[in-house]
Amino acid sequence: MRKTEQSPNGTSFHDSVIVATVAQLRKVIGEPDRESNDGQDKVNFDWVAETENGDVFTVYDWKEYRRLSEDEEIEWHIGGHSRAVTEKAVEELEEELAQLD
């Protein structure tokens, strides 16, 4: 898993989620592609990355409508072009997050 320059156009939510903090995601994915942590939009943080085999996916909070703390665990949506892609992204993210403990 790594950040990507691929376009996330056409990705969508396929019921795949992870639980993590903003700080943890910064460590495993890097800086967000979009960040407006003011609670005014449906999304405060959004990352675009790709799986080990090059499939693009997104990680984003959804409808929190509040400012998020860097160390608060929340549920993050994973978007992709298919359920298989989002499930693979969850697997890779969970592996990376487990190494932080």
N, C-alpha and C. Protein backbone atom coordinates (compact mmCIF):
# COMPACT_ATOMS: atom_id res chain seq x y z
N MET A 1 0.84 -1.17 0.00
CA MET A 1 0.00 0.00 0.00
C MET A 1 0.89 1.24 0.00
N ARG A 2 0.50 2.21 -0.82
CA ARG A 2 1.25 3.46 -0.90
C ARG A 2 0.37 4.56 -1.47
N LYS A 3 0.78 5.80 -1.23
CA LYS A 3 0.09 6.95 -1.84
C LYS A 3 0.19 6.79 -3.35
N THR A 4 -0.72 7.44 -4.07
CA THR A 4 -0.72 7.32 -5.52
C THR A 4 -1.08 8.63 -6.18
N GLU A 5 -0.72 8.74 -7.42
CA GLU A 5 -1.12 9.88 -8.25
C GLU A 5 -2.30 9.49 -9.15
N GLN A 6 -2.75 8.23 -9.04
CA GLN A 6 -3.89 7.78 -9.82
C GLN A 6 -5.14 8.55 -9.41
N SER A 7 -6.04 8.73 -10.36
CA SER A 7 -7.30 9.41 -10.09
C SER A 7 -8.25 8.47 -9.34
N PRO A 8 -8.93 8.99 -8.32
CA PRO A 8 -9.92 8.18 -7.62
C PRO A 8 -11.30 8.21 -8.29
N ASN A 9 -11.41 8.85 -9.44
CA ASN A 9 -12.71 8.94 -10.13
C ASN A 9 -13.30 7.56 -10.33
N GLY A 10 -14.56 7.43 -10.02
CA GLY A 10 -15.27 6.17 -10.21
C GLY A 10 -15.20 5.24 -9.01
N THR A 11 -14.45 5.64 -7.96
CA THR A 11 -14.43 4.80 -6.76
C THR A 11 -15.70 5.06 -5.96
N SER A 12 -16.09 4.07 -5.19
CA SER A 12 -17.27 4.22 -4.35
C SER A 12 -17.16 3.31 -3.13
N PHE A 13 -18.07 3.50 -2.21
CA PHE A 13 -18.10 2.75 -0.97
C PHE A 13 -18.75 1.39 -1.20
N HIS A 14 -18.08 0.32 -0.74
CA HIS A 14 -18.59 -1.05 -0.87
C HIS A 14 -18.68 -1.73 0.49
N ASP A 15 -19.09 -0.96 1.51
CA ASP A 15 -19.28 -1.47 2.87
C ASP A 15 -17.99 -1.92 3.55
N SER A 16 -16.84 -1.42 3.11
CA SER A 16 -15.57 -1.73 3.76
C SER A 16 -15.15 -0.55 4.62
N VAL A 17 -14.80 -0.84 5.88
CA VAL A 17 -14.40 0.21 6.82
C VAL A 17 -13.21 -0.27 7.66
N ILE A 18 -12.52 0.70 8.24
CA ILE A 18 -11.49 0.42 9.23
C ILE A 18 -11.72 1.38 10.39
N VAL A 19 -11.16 1.06 11.55
CA VAL A 19 -11.19 1.94 12.70
C VAL A 19 -9.76 2.36 12.98
N ALA A 20 -9.53 3.67 13.01
CA ALA A 20 -8.19 4.20 13.23
C ALA A 20 -8.31 5.66 13.63
N THR A 21 -7.17 6.25 14.00
CA THR A 21 -7.12 7.68 14.28
C THR A 21 -6.51 8.40 13.09
N VAL A 22 -6.69 9.69 13.04
CA VAL A 22 -6.07 10.51 12.01
C VAL A 22 -4.55 10.35 12.09
N ALA A 23 -4.02 10.39 13.31
CA ALA A 23 -2.57 10.28 13.51
C ALA A 23 -2.05 8.95 12.98
N GLN A 24 -2.77 7.86 13.22
CA GLN A 24 -2.34 6.56 12.71
C GLN A 24 -2.34 6.54 11.19
N LEU A 25 -3.38 7.09 10.58
CA LEU A 25 -3.44 7.10 9.12
C LEU A 25 -2.33 7.96 8.52
N ARG A 26 -2.00 9.05 9.18
CA ARG A 26 -0.88 9.87 8.71
C ARG A 26 0.41 9.04 8.69
N LYS A 27 0.59 8.19 9.71
CA LYS A 27 1.80 7.37 9.80
C LYS A 27 1.85 6.30 8.70
N VAL A 28 0.71 5.68 8.39
CA VAL A 28 0.74 4.57 7.44
C VAL A 28 0.52 4.99 5.99
N ILE A 29 -0.21 6.08 5.76
CA ILE A 29 -0.49 6.51 4.39
C ILE A 29 0.27 7.79 4.04
N GLY A 30 0.50 8.64 5.02
CA GLY A 30 1.12 9.94 4.77
C GLY A 30 0.10 11.05 4.96
N GLU A 31 0.43 12.21 4.48
CA GLU A 31 -0.48 13.35 4.62
C GLU A 31 -1.72 13.16 3.75
N PRO A 32 -2.87 13.62 4.23
CA PRO A 32 -4.10 13.49 3.43
C PRO A 32 -4.01 14.27 2.12
N ASP A 33 -4.72 13.79 1.13
CA ASP A 33 -4.82 14.51 -0.14
C ASP A 33 -5.73 15.72 0.00
N ARG A 34 -6.67 15.60 0.92
CA ARG A 34 -7.58 16.71 1.21
C ARG A 34 -7.82 16.73 2.70
N GLU A 35 -7.74 17.92 3.27
CA GLU A 35 -7.96 18.08 4.70
C GLU A 35 -8.64 19.41 4.96
N SER A 36 -9.82 19.33 5.53
CA SER A 36 -10.54 20.54 5.96
C SER A 36 -11.28 20.18 7.25
N ASN A 37 -10.53 20.01 8.29
CA ASN A 37 -11.05 19.48 9.55
C ASN A 37 -11.83 20.54 10.33
N ASP A 38 -12.90 21.04 9.70
CA ASP A 38 -13.74 22.02 10.37
C ASP A 38 -15.16 21.52 10.60
N GLY A 39 -15.46 20.31 10.11
CA GLY A 39 -16.78 19.73 10.31
C GLY A 39 -17.87 20.30 9.43
N GLN A 40 -17.50 21.13 8.48
CA GLN A 40 -18.49 21.79 7.63
C GLN A 40 -18.92 20.95 6.42
N ASP A 41 -18.09 19.99 6.00
CA ASP A 41 -18.41 19.16 4.85
C ASP A 41 -18.67 17.72 5.28
N LYS A 42 -19.09 16.90 4.34
CA LYS A 42 -19.33 15.49 4.62
C LYS A 42 -18.03 14.77 4.96
N VAL A 43 -16.89 15.29 4.47
CA VAL A 43 -15.59 14.66 4.66
C VAL A 43 -14.60 15.68 5.21
N ASN A 44 -13.89 15.33 6.27
CA ASN A 44 -12.83 16.18 6.82
C ASN A 44 -11.46 15.80 6.27
N PHE A 45 -11.22 14.48 6.12
CA PHE A 45 -9.94 13.96 5.65
C PHE A 45 -10.18 12.96 4.54
N ASP A 46 -9.30 12.99 3.53
CA ASP A 46 -9.42 12.08 2.39
C ASP A 46 -8.03 11.73 1.89
N TRP A 47 -7.74 10.45 1.84
CA TRP A 47 -6.48 9.95 1.28
C TRP A 47 -6.77 9.16 0.01
N VAL A 48 -5.87 9.24 -0.96
CA VAL A 48 -5.93 8.40 -2.17
C VAL A 48 -4.65 7.57 -2.18
N ALA A 49 -4.81 6.27 -2.26
CA ALA A 49 -3.66 5.36 -2.21
C ALA A 49 -3.91 4.22 -3.19
N GLU A 50 -2.96 3.30 -3.24
CA GLU A 50 -3.14 2.12 -4.08
C GLU A 50 -2.67 0.89 -3.33
N THR A 51 -3.29 -0.23 -3.64
CA THR A 51 -2.90 -1.50 -3.04
C THR A 51 -1.56 -1.94 -3.62
N GLU A 52 -1.02 -3.00 -3.05
CA GLU A 52 0.26 -3.53 -3.53
C GLU A 52 0.21 -3.90 -5.01
N ASN A 53 -0.98 -4.26 -5.51
CA ASN A 53 -1.08 -4.62 -6.93
C ASN A 53 -1.57 -3.47 -7.81
N GLY A 54 -1.57 -2.24 -7.25
CA GLY A 54 -1.82 -1.05 -8.05
C GLY A 54 -3.26 -0.59 -8.19
N ASP A 55 -4.18 -1.18 -7.43
CA ASP A 55 -5.58 -0.74 -7.48
C ASP A 55 -5.79 0.47 -6.59
N VAL A 56 -6.40 1.52 -7.14
CA VAL A 56 -6.61 2.76 -6.39
C VAL A 56 -7.76 2.59 -5.39
N PHE A 57 -7.57 3.22 -4.21
CA PHE A 57 -8.65 3.25 -3.21
C PHE A 57 -8.57 4.56 -2.44
N THR A 58 -9.64 4.90 -1.76
CA THR A 58 -9.70 6.11 -0.95
C THR A 58 -10.02 5.75 0.50
N VAL A 59 -9.58 6.60 1.41
CA VAL A 59 -9.88 6.46 2.84
C VAL A 59 -10.42 7.81 3.28
N TYR A 60 -11.61 7.81 3.88
CA TYR A 60 -12.22 9.08 4.27
C TYR A 60 -13.22 8.87 5.41
N ASP A 61 -13.34 9.92 6.24
CA ASP A 61 -14.40 9.92 7.24
C ASP A 61 -15.68 10.31 6.50
N TRP A 62 -16.82 9.92 7.02
CA TRP A 62 -18.07 10.21 6.32
C TRP A 62 -19.11 10.75 7.27
N LYS A 63 -19.50 11.98 7.02
CA LYS A 63 -20.59 12.64 7.75
C LYS A 63 -20.38 12.70 9.26
N GLU A 64 -19.17 13.01 9.67
CA GLU A 64 -18.93 13.24 11.09
C GLU A 64 -19.49 14.61 11.50
N TYR A 65 -19.43 15.58 10.58
CA TYR A 65 -19.94 16.94 10.79
C TYR A 65 -19.46 17.58 12.09
N ARG A 66 -18.18 17.36 12.38
CA ARG A 66 -17.55 17.96 13.54
C ARG A 66 -16.04 17.90 13.34
N ARG A 67 -15.33 18.69 14.08
CA ARG A 67 -13.88 18.67 14.04
C ARG A 67 -13.39 17.37 14.69
N LEU A 68 -12.44 16.69 14.06
CA LEU A 68 -11.93 15.43 14.59
C LEU A 68 -10.59 15.63 15.28
N SER A 69 -10.42 14.97 16.42
CA SER A 69 -9.14 14.98 17.12
C SER A 69 -8.18 14.03 16.40
N GLU A 70 -6.91 14.36 16.41
CA GLU A 70 -5.89 13.52 15.78
C GLU A 70 -5.82 12.13 16.40
N ASP A 71 -6.19 12.00 17.69
CA ASP A 71 -6.04 10.74 18.40
C ASP A 71 -7.35 10.03 18.71
N GLU A 72 -8.42 10.47 18.10
CA GLU A 72 -9.74 9.88 18.31
C GLU A 72 -9.96 8.75 17.30
N GLU A 73 -10.31 7.58 17.78
CA GLU A 73 -10.61 6.47 16.88
C GLU A 73 -12.00 6.69 16.27
N ILE A 74 -12.05 6.61 14.96
CA ILE A 74 -13.34 6.69 14.26
C ILE A 74 -13.37 5.64 13.15
N GLU A 75 -14.54 5.45 12.59
CA GLU A 75 -14.71 4.52 11.48
C GLU A 75 -14.45 5.26 10.17
N TRP A 76 -13.55 4.73 9.36
CA TRP A 76 -13.19 5.31 8.07
C TRP A 76 -13.76 4.47 6.95
N HIS A 77 -14.33 5.11 5.97
CA HIS A 77 -14.83 4.43 4.78
C HIS A 77 -13.69 4.19 3.81
N ILE A 78 -13.75 3.06 3.13
CA ILE A 78 -12.77 2.72 2.10
C ILE A 78 -13.54 2.67 0.78
N GLY A 79 -13.09 3.46 -0.17
CA GLY A 79 -13.73 3.48 -1.49
C GLY A 79 -12.82 2.82 -2.51
N GLY A 80 -13.42 2.21 -3.51
CA GLY A 80 -12.65 1.56 -4.57
C GLY A 80 -13.54 1.27 -5.75
N HIS A 81 -12.97 0.68 -6.78
CA HIS A 81 -13.74 0.36 -7.98
C HIS A 81 -14.54 -0.93 -7.84
N SER A 82 -14.26 -1.71 -6.78
CA SER A 82 -15.02 -2.94 -6.54
C SER A 82 -14.88 -3.34 -5.07
N ARG A 83 -15.73 -4.23 -4.64
CA ARG A 83 -15.65 -4.75 -3.27
C ARG A 83 -14.32 -5.47 -3.06
N ALA A 84 -13.83 -6.19 -4.07
CA ALA A 84 -12.56 -6.90 -3.94
C ALA A 84 -11.41 -5.93 -3.67
N VAL A 85 -11.43 -4.79 -4.34
CA VAL A 85 -10.38 -3.78 -4.13
C VAL A 85 -10.47 -3.22 -2.72
N THR A 86 -11.67 -2.89 -2.26
CA THR A 86 -11.79 -2.29 -0.92
C THR A 86 -11.44 -3.31 0.17
N GLU A 87 -11.79 -4.56 -0.04
CA GLU A 87 -11.44 -5.59 0.94
C GLU A 87 -9.93 -5.78 1.01
N LYS A 88 -9.26 -5.75 -0.14
CA LYS A 88 -7.79 -5.85 -0.17
C LYS A 88 -7.17 -4.63 0.51
N ALA A 89 -7.72 -3.44 0.27
CA ALA A 89 -7.22 -2.23 0.91
C ALA A 89 -7.36 -2.32 2.43
N VAL A 90 -8.48 -2.81 2.91
CA VAL A 90 -8.69 -2.98 4.35
C VAL A 90 -7.64 -3.93 4.91
N GLU A 91 -7.42 -5.04 4.24
CA GLU A 91 -6.42 -6.02 4.68
C GLU A 91 -5.04 -5.37 4.80
N GLU A 92 -4.63 -4.64 3.78
CA GLU A 92 -3.32 -4.01 3.79
C GLU A 92 -3.23 -2.90 4.85
N LEU A 93 -4.28 -2.11 4.98
CA LEU A 93 -4.29 -1.06 6.00
C LEU A 93 -4.23 -1.65 7.40
N GLU A 94 -5.00 -2.69 7.66
CA GLU A 94 -5.00 -3.31 8.98
C GLU A 94 -3.63 -3.89 9.33
N GLU A 95 -2.94 -4.46 8.34
CA GLU A 95 -1.59 -4.97 8.56
C GLU A 95 -0.65 -3.84 8.97
N GLU A 96 -0.73 -2.72 8.26
CA GLU A 96 0.12 -1.56 8.56
C GLU A 96 -0.21 -0.97 9.93
N LEU A 97 -1.48 -0.85 10.23
CA LEU A 97 -1.90 -0.30 11.52
C LEU A 97 -1.46 -1.20 12.67
N ALA A 98 -1.51 -2.50 12.48
CA ALA A 98 -1.10 -3.44 13.53
C ALA A 98 0.38 -3.29 13.87
N GLN A 99 1.18 -2.90 12.90
CA GLN A 99 2.60 -2.73 13.13
C GLN A 99 2.91 -1.48 13.95
N LEU A 100 1.94 -0.57 14.08
CA LEU A 100 2.14 0.64 14.89
C LEU A 100 2.05 0.33 16.38
N ASP A 101 1.37 -0.74 16.75
CA ASP A 101 1.16 -1.05 18.18
C ASP A 101 2.42 -1.50 18.87
